[in-house]
Each structure stands twice: as structure tokens, then as C-alpha cells.
Protein backbone atom coordinates (compact mmCIF):
# COMPACT_ATOMS: atom_id res chain seq x y z
CA UNK A 1 67.86 78.38 106.09
CA UNK A 2 67.87 79.69 109.49
CA UNK A 3 64.91 81.49 111.38
CA UNK A 4 63.95 83.53 114.55
CA UNK A 5 61.12 82.11 116.06
CA UNK A 6 58.12 85.21 117.74
CA UNK A 7 55.27 84.05 120.10
CA UNK A 8 52.28 86.00 120.30
CA UNK A 9 50.67 87.68 123.76
CA UNK A 10 47.88 88.20 125.86
CA UNK A 11 45.17 89.96 123.32
CA UNK A 12 46.02 87.06 119.99
CA UNK A 13 43.22 84.80 121.82
CA UNK A 14 40.38 84.06 119.26
CA UNK A 15 36.70 81.91 120.30
CA UNK A 16 37.17 77.88 119.48
CA UNK A 17 41.30 78.00 119.41
CA UNK A 18 42.28 74.68 119.31
CA UNK A 19 39.32 72.68 118.03
CA UNK A 20 40.61 71.30 114.97
CA UNK A 21 44.47 70.74 116.14
CA UNK A 22 42.24 68.45 119.03
CA UNK A 23 40.61 66.53 116.81
CA UNK A 24 43.25 66.03 114.09
CA UNK A 25 46.05 65.34 115.76
CA UNK A 26 46.88 62.82 119.04
CA UNK A 27 49.67 64.48 120.73
CA UNK A 28 47.94 67.95 120.71
CA UNK A 29 44.83 65.98 123.04
CA UNK A 30 47.20 63.94 124.97
CA UNK A 31 49.04 67.90 125.78
CA UNK A 32 45.14 69.65 126.43
CA UNK A 33 44.56 66.47 128.48
CA UNK A 34 47.51 66.35 130.47
CA UNK A 35 46.89 70.21 130.82
CA UNK A 36 43.48 69.56 132.62
CA UNK A 37 44.84 67.35 135.21
CA UNK A 38 47.40 70.14 136.36
CA UNK A 39 45.16 72.59 135.91
CA UNK A 40 42.22 70.97 137.52
CA UNK A 41 39.57 72.69 135.00
CA UNK A 42 38.59 71.89 131.82
CA UNK A 43 39.77 74.85 129.55
CA UNK A 44 38.76 72.81 126.16
CA UNK A 45 35.50 73.96 127.11
CA UNK A 46 36.14 77.69 127.22
CA UNK A 47 38.63 77.46 124.25
CA UNK A 48 36.47 75.90 121.78
CA UNK A 49 33.55 77.88 122.73
CA UNK A 50 32.06 81.28 121.01
CA UNK A 51 32.11 82.97 124.16
CA UNK A 52 34.54 85.42 123.91
CA UNK A 53 33.92 87.73 127.21
CA UNK A 54 34.98 84.33 129.05
CA UNK A 55 38.18 83.12 126.94
CA UNK A 56 39.53 86.99 126.93
CA UNK A 57 39.95 87.01 131.43
CA UNK A 58 43.43 86.72 132.11
CA UNK A 59 43.00 83.78 134.03
CA UNK A 60 42.12 81.91 131.41
CA UNK A 61 43.75 83.66 128.43
CA UNK A 62 47.13 83.34 129.65
CA UNK A 63 46.65 79.81 129.76
CA UNK A 64 44.70 78.96 126.67
CA UNK A 65 47.29 81.16 124.67
CA UNK A 66 50.25 79.31 125.87
CA UNK A 67 48.64 75.90 125.44
CA UNK A 68 48.03 76.70 121.96
CA UNK A 69 51.29 78.13 121.31
CA UNK A 70 53.61 75.48 122.03
CA UNK A 71 50.62 73.06 120.70
CA UNK A 72 51.59 74.72 117.21
CA UNK A 73 55.06 74.72 117.98
CA UNK A 74 55.10 70.62 118.69
CA UNK A 75 53.64 70.43 114.96
CA UNK A 76 56.07 72.79 112.92
CA UNK A 77 59.40 71.94 114.96
CA UNK A 78 59.80 69.46 112.61
CA UNK A 79 59.59 71.80 109.68
CA UNK A 80 61.74 74.80 110.75
CA UNK A 81 65.33 73.24 110.56
CA UNK A 82 67.49 75.98 112.14
CA UNK A 83 65.93 77.89 114.62
CA UNK A 84 68.85 81.09 116.21
CA UNK A 85 66.88 82.47 118.70
CA UNK A 86 63.19 82.99 120.27
CA UNK A 87 61.17 85.78 121.27
CA UNK A 88 57.70 86.33 122.81
CA UNK A 89 55.75 89.76 123.08
CA UNK A 90 54.86 89.81 127.21
CA UNK A 91 53.06 86.19 127.71
CA UNK A 92 54.36 84.88 124.53
CA UNK A 93 57.93 84.85 126.49
CA UNK A 94 57.15 82.18 128.28
CA UNK A 95 55.99 80.19 124.90
CA UNK A 96 59.53 80.96 123.94
CA UNK A 97 60.71 79.64 126.73
CA UNK A 98 59.42 76.11 125.82
CA UNK A 99 60.55 76.37 122.42
CA UNK A 100 64.53 76.97 123.33
CA UNK A 101 64.13 73.69 126.08
CA UNK A 102 64.52 76.02 128.76
CA UNK A 103 61.57 73.97 130.62
CA UNK A 104 59.29 71.42 130.53
CA UNK A 105 55.55 71.93 128.92
CA UNK A 106 54.06 71.07 132.42
CA UNK A 107 56.46 73.54 134.22
CA UNK A 108 55.82 76.02 131.96
CA UNK A 109 51.95 75.56 132.34
CA UNK A 110 52.46 75.67 135.97
CA UNK A 111 53.98 79.25 136.17
CA UNK A 112 51.41 80.56 133.50
CA UNK A 113 48.86 79.19 135.81
CA UNK A 114 49.85 80.86 138.49
CA UNK A 115 51.11 84.63 136.61
CA UNK A 116 47.25 85.02 135.34
CA UNK A 117 45.80 84.03 138.84
CA UNK A 118 47.96 86.86 140.47
CA UNK A 119 47.62 89.23 137.40
CA UNK A 120 43.83 88.64 137.46
CA UNK A 121 44.08 89.71 141.37
CA UNK A 122 46.11 92.95 140.69
CA UNK A 123 43.41 93.49 137.83
CA UNK A 124 40.51 93.38 140.31
CA UNK A 125 42.33 95.30 143.21
CA UNK A 126 43.83 97.85 140.82
CA UNK A 127 41.07 98.87 137.95
CA UNK A 128 43.71 100.32 135.21
CA UNK A 129 43.30 101.09 131.45
CA UNK A 130 45.36 100.91 128.55
CA UNK A 131 45.94 102.61 125.23
CA UNK A 132 48.11 102.88 122.00
CA UNK A 133 49.89 106.26 121.21
CA UNK A 134 50.97 107.06 117.27
CA UNK A 135 53.39 109.48 116.48
CA UNK A 136 55.60 110.23 119.22
CA UNK A 137 59.03 110.00 120.53
CA UNK A 138 59.24 107.96 123.53
CA UNK A 139 61.27 110.30 125.24
CA UNK A 140 58.74 113.45 124.93
CA UNK A 141 55.86 110.73 125.61
CA UNK A 142 57.66 109.44 129.12
CA UNK A 143 57.47 113.09 130.39
CA UNK A 144 54.07 113.42 129.37
CA UNK A 145 53.00 109.96 131.55
CA UNK A 146 54.62 111.37 134.31
CA UNK A 147 52.58 113.81 135.18
CA UNK A 148 49.68 111.92 135.27
CA UNK A 149 51.47 108.71 137.25
CA UNK A 150 50.90 106.56 133.78
CA UNK A 151 53.56 104.50 132.31
CA UNK A 152 55.05 103.22 129.03
CA UNK A 153 54.26 99.74 128.98
CA UNK A 154 54.94 98.79 125.34
CA UNK A 155 57.33 99.63 122.89
CA UNK A 156 55.70 97.71 119.65
CA UNK A 157 57.58 100.30 117.44
CA UNK A 158 58.65 103.73 116.67
CA UNK A 159 55.81 104.87 115.89
CA UNK A 160 53.50 102.75 118.32
CA UNK A 161 53.74 103.04 122.00
CA UNK A 162 51.68 101.43 124.47
CA UNK A 163 50.78 103.48 127.66
CA UNK A 164 49.24 101.63 131.08
CA UNK A 165 48.00 102.89 134.48
CA UNK A 166 45.14 103.73 136.26
CA UNK A 167 41.46 104.42 134.04
CA UNK A 168 42.12 108.03 135.24
CA UNK A 169 45.83 108.74 134.95
CA UNK A 170 45.46 107.11 130.93
CA UNK A 171 42.51 108.94 130.24
CA UNK A 172 44.17 112.44 131.19
CA UNK A 173 47.36 111.58 129.44
CA UNK A 174 45.30 110.50 126.57
CA UNK A 175 43.83 113.73 126.78
CA UNK A 176 46.86 115.97 126.87
CA UNK A 177 47.98 113.84 123.84
CA UNK A 178 44.86 115.02 122.01
CA UNK A 179 45.39 118.45 122.75
CA UNK A 180 49.09 118.21 121.06
CA UNK A 181 46.77 116.34 118.17
CA UNK A 182 48.92 113.02 118.81
CA UNK A 183 46.40 109.85 118.69
CA UNK A 184 45.82 107.82 121.42
CA UNK A 185 43.47 104.56 120.82
CA UNK A 186 41.67 102.82 124.03
CA UNK A 187 42.91 99.23 124.03
CA UNK A 188 40.26 96.68 125.07
CA UNK A 189 42.28 95.29 127.84
CA UNK A 190 41.03 93.89 131.25
CA UNK A 191 44.09 95.69 133.18
CA UNK A 192 46.79 97.88 133.04
CA UNK A 193 49.31 95.44 132.20
CA UNK A 194 53.34 96.39 132.64
CA UNK A 195 52.66 98.98 135.06
CA UNK A 196 53.62 99.32 138.76
CA UNK A 197 49.23 98.36 138.94
CA UNK A 198 50.87 94.88 138.37
CA UNK A 199 53.88 94.98 140.75
CA UNK A 200 51.79 92.76 143.76
CA UNK A 201 52.13 89.80 140.84
CA UNK A 202 55.59 89.22 141.04
CA UNK A 203 55.93 87.76 144.29
CA UNK A 204 53.58 84.83 143.61
CA UNK A 205 55.61 84.87 140.27
CA UNK A 206 59.01 84.50 142.35
CA UNK A 207 57.69 81.95 144.16
CA UNK A 208 57.35 79.51 141.58
CA UNK A 209 59.64 80.53 139.01
CA UNK A 210 62.22 79.76 141.87
CA UNK A 211 60.90 76.70 142.67
CA UNK A 212 61.19 75.55 138.94
CA UNK A 213 63.65 73.39 137.09
CA UNK A 214 65.27 75.67 134.26
CA UNK A 215 67.46 74.15 132.05
CA UNK A 216 70.12 76.41 130.22
CA UNK A 217 69.20 76.47 126.58
CA UNK A 218 71.36 76.00 123.84
CA UNK A 219 69.12 79.02 121.35
CA UNK A 220 69.25 82.43 123.41
CA UNK A 221 65.84 84.09 124.52
CA UNK A 222 65.32 87.93 123.41
CA UNK A 223 64.18 89.07 126.53
CA UNK A 224 61.51 91.93 127.09
CA UNK A 225 63.02 93.58 129.71
CA UNK A 226 65.79 94.67 127.96
CA UNK A 227 66.12 93.05 124.71
CA UNK A 228 69.39 90.73 125.78
CA UNK A 229 70.33 87.60 124.48
CA UNK A 230 69.59 85.20 127.42
CA UNK A 231 70.77 81.26 128.02
CA UNK A 232 71.37 81.67 131.77
CA UNK A 233 69.24 80.35 133.73
CA UNK A 234 68.97 83.15 136.55
CA UNK A 235 69.19 85.88 134.47
CA UNK A 236 66.27 84.45 132.80
CA UNK A 237 64.39 83.80 135.67
CA UNK A 238 64.73 87.06 137.03
CA UNK A 239 63.83 88.70 134.08
CA UNK A 240 60.59 86.55 133.86
CA UNK A 241 59.89 88.39 137.25
CA UNK A 242 60.35 92.01 136.82
CA UNK A 243 59.03 91.54 133.06
CA UNK A 244 54.99 91.53 134.50
CA UNK A 245 55.55 95.28 135.82
CA UNK A 246 58.37 96.37 133.06
CA UNK A 247 58.11 97.65 129.43
CA UNK A 248 58.14 95.30 126.87
CA UNK A 249 60.63 96.32 124.78
CA UNK A 250 59.50 95.10 121.09
CA UNK A 251 60.89 97.42 118.86
CA UNK A 252 64.44 96.51 120.19
CA UNK A 253 63.99 92.74 120.90
CA UNK A 254 62.86 92.75 116.84
CA UNK A 255 66.43 94.35 116.12
CA UNK A 256 68.14 91.98 118.14
CA UNK A 257 66.44 89.11 116.82
CA UNK A 258 67.59 90.83 113.38
CA UNK A 259 70.96 90.05 114.57
CA UNK A 260 70.53 86.32 114.35
CA UNK A 261 68.21 85.69 111.03
CA UNK A 262 66.29 87.73 108.64
CA UNK A 263 63.51 84.98 108.99
CA UNK A 264 60.95 85.62 111.43
CA UNK A 265 57.85 82.85 112.11
CA UNK A 266 55.58 83.66 114.26
CA UNK A 267 53.29 81.45 116.28
CA UNK A 268 49.79 81.96 118.36
CA UNK A 269 46.09 81.97 117.60
CA UNK A 270 46.12 84.83 115.41
CA UNK A 271 48.98 86.94 113.42
CA UNK A 272 49.63 90.12 115.54
CA UNK A 273 53.40 89.87 115.29
CA UNK A 274 54.56 89.77 111.38
CA UNK A 275 52.87 92.96 111.21
CA UNK A 276 54.95 94.76 114.03
CA UNK A 277 58.01 93.09 112.61
CA UNK A 278 57.31 94.92 108.72
CA UNK A 279 56.67 97.98 110.29
CA UNK A 280 60.28 98.38 112.02
CA UNK A 281 61.50 96.83 108.86
CA UNK A 282 60.16 96.09 105.74
CA UNK A 283 62.99 94.09 104.30
CA UNK A 284 62.67 91.77 107.07
CA UNK A 285 60.86 87.57 105.83
CA UNK A 286 58.01 87.01 108.36
CA UNK A 287 55.53 83.80 107.94
CA UNK A 288 53.00 82.86 110.44
CA UNK A 289 51.16 80.03 111.21
CA UNK A 290 48.00 80.55 113.15
CA UNK A 291 45.65 77.73 112.43
CA UNK A 292 45.05 74.20 111.49
CA UNK A 293 44.91 75.34 107.95
CA UNK A 294 48.27 77.15 108.02
CA UNK A 295 49.77 73.38 108.87
CA UNK A 296 48.25 71.43 105.71
């Protein structure tokens, strides 16, 4: 049976993630040890502890989720017979590109590390917020956002769109939406992701991505920025650079993935995307692997 793989992004972390995998599988331990030699700090201590506040920091969460996701993929890949396409939600796209062999584990880790540091600086320099908006058309929401200089950040489904921007711009946008009886839910995030407040991160990303060795994959990745299937190296690199301050077109990405297979397999520390996929098209088959217990 053929499948498409989807990888979770930032926000899917959980305290203790990776502890059981590290202690049960020698190849996972090897990957963690390799990662720490590259990073120069003890990521295990952060991932395995119960300190969620520390783990959720962008500079740690992105590394932890990438590392955990690729370890899950390595353990599961012998069981997934035929992969037709891959995708990831925001940060998850970097795990997806490891899974389709666009780059090595080490290359992906270095890029994610650089991305996390650059985005963390943006968070500190330009404080922001995000909210999930329920039940409004994209075009109408975009018009309202422009009134207050907020932006559409994620289009997760027809009924759920996430907005991003300065704390004040998101607050004013949400107040306007509430006056129209449209629900707006503040998200527990540390920055205004996928907005122009993250644009300064692009220079660092561009430098490391352009200098990194990529290989042309045989399995396409569905890009966040335009929901198109990509295998050409320069297209993939360009998409990753611009992804950081562009909307995540997840709804369109799922529809594109559907053209490859009706069977979606989600990988990451927590199941987040499977529910989104079912909301987009309930006929799609979903399966998720998020922990040691899912593997045994």
C-alpha cells in the first residue's frame, strides 16, 4: 500500500520526549550522541526533563522536534513500504526533507539549529502573537488583517486560519473579529511565526541553506509556501528560505498530497496533523506514530 508522510512542527513537543526511544534503540542513542557533538550542548537533558517551559523555547523546541521526528522515521521506514510524497507543517518540512533523502541528518540538524537561533533572535527583537480564527473565509480575513497590519500565517483548513503579527495588531484584529461574532483563540506561542516579524531570520537561513549539500530526491516534497510538489534542488532551497515569513498553506498541501495517496502517516512527538487532515477530508485514512508505545 502506498502512503504519504506528514511531519509535525513547532508546538508538538512534550516533556520527556525521546527518553524511551533513546534507552531502547541503539541507533536512536547514536543519533542523539551525534547531534550533541554537532550542537555543542546536551539536548537530551532538555528533552527528557519535565521542564516544558524550557523545552518550548524556539531555540530548543525546533531541534528537539527535528531530532525526535527523524529518529521515529528511521525506526518506522522499514515498515512503510511505498512512500509517494512527503510534507511537514512549518518546521516539520525539515524532517520531511530528511525522510526523502534531500539531505543528511547532520545537514538538516545544522540548518534547523541555525533557523531556531535566528527565529529566537526575532522573537526577542520583535515580540508578537498568534491567534487561531474559526469560521471565516480567507479573503475576508485577509482584508481585516490588513486594517491592523496583522497577517495570515497558517491556512490549516477551510474553517481554521491562524493570524500572526505584533501583539497589538493581533489583539486589534481579534477584537474586530469578535465584534463580528467570529471566534479568535490566542495561541500559546513565543513569537509571531510566519509573519514579517520573522523576516530578519532569512539572511542566516539563506547563508546556511545555500552552502549546504542537497540531493535531488526521488520522492517529492510538498512545499509549505505554494503546496506544489518539488524535487529540484534550487526550488527546495528557495522554498525553505522563504517559508520562515510566508503563510503555511496546509489545506492546499493536504489536497496536493491526496493526489499521491489517500493514506496519511503522521510522525512527530504528538499527534496534531491527523485531526487536521480528517477535517479537510474525512475520507482520508490517517495513522500516527508519536511515541515508543506506537512502535511496539
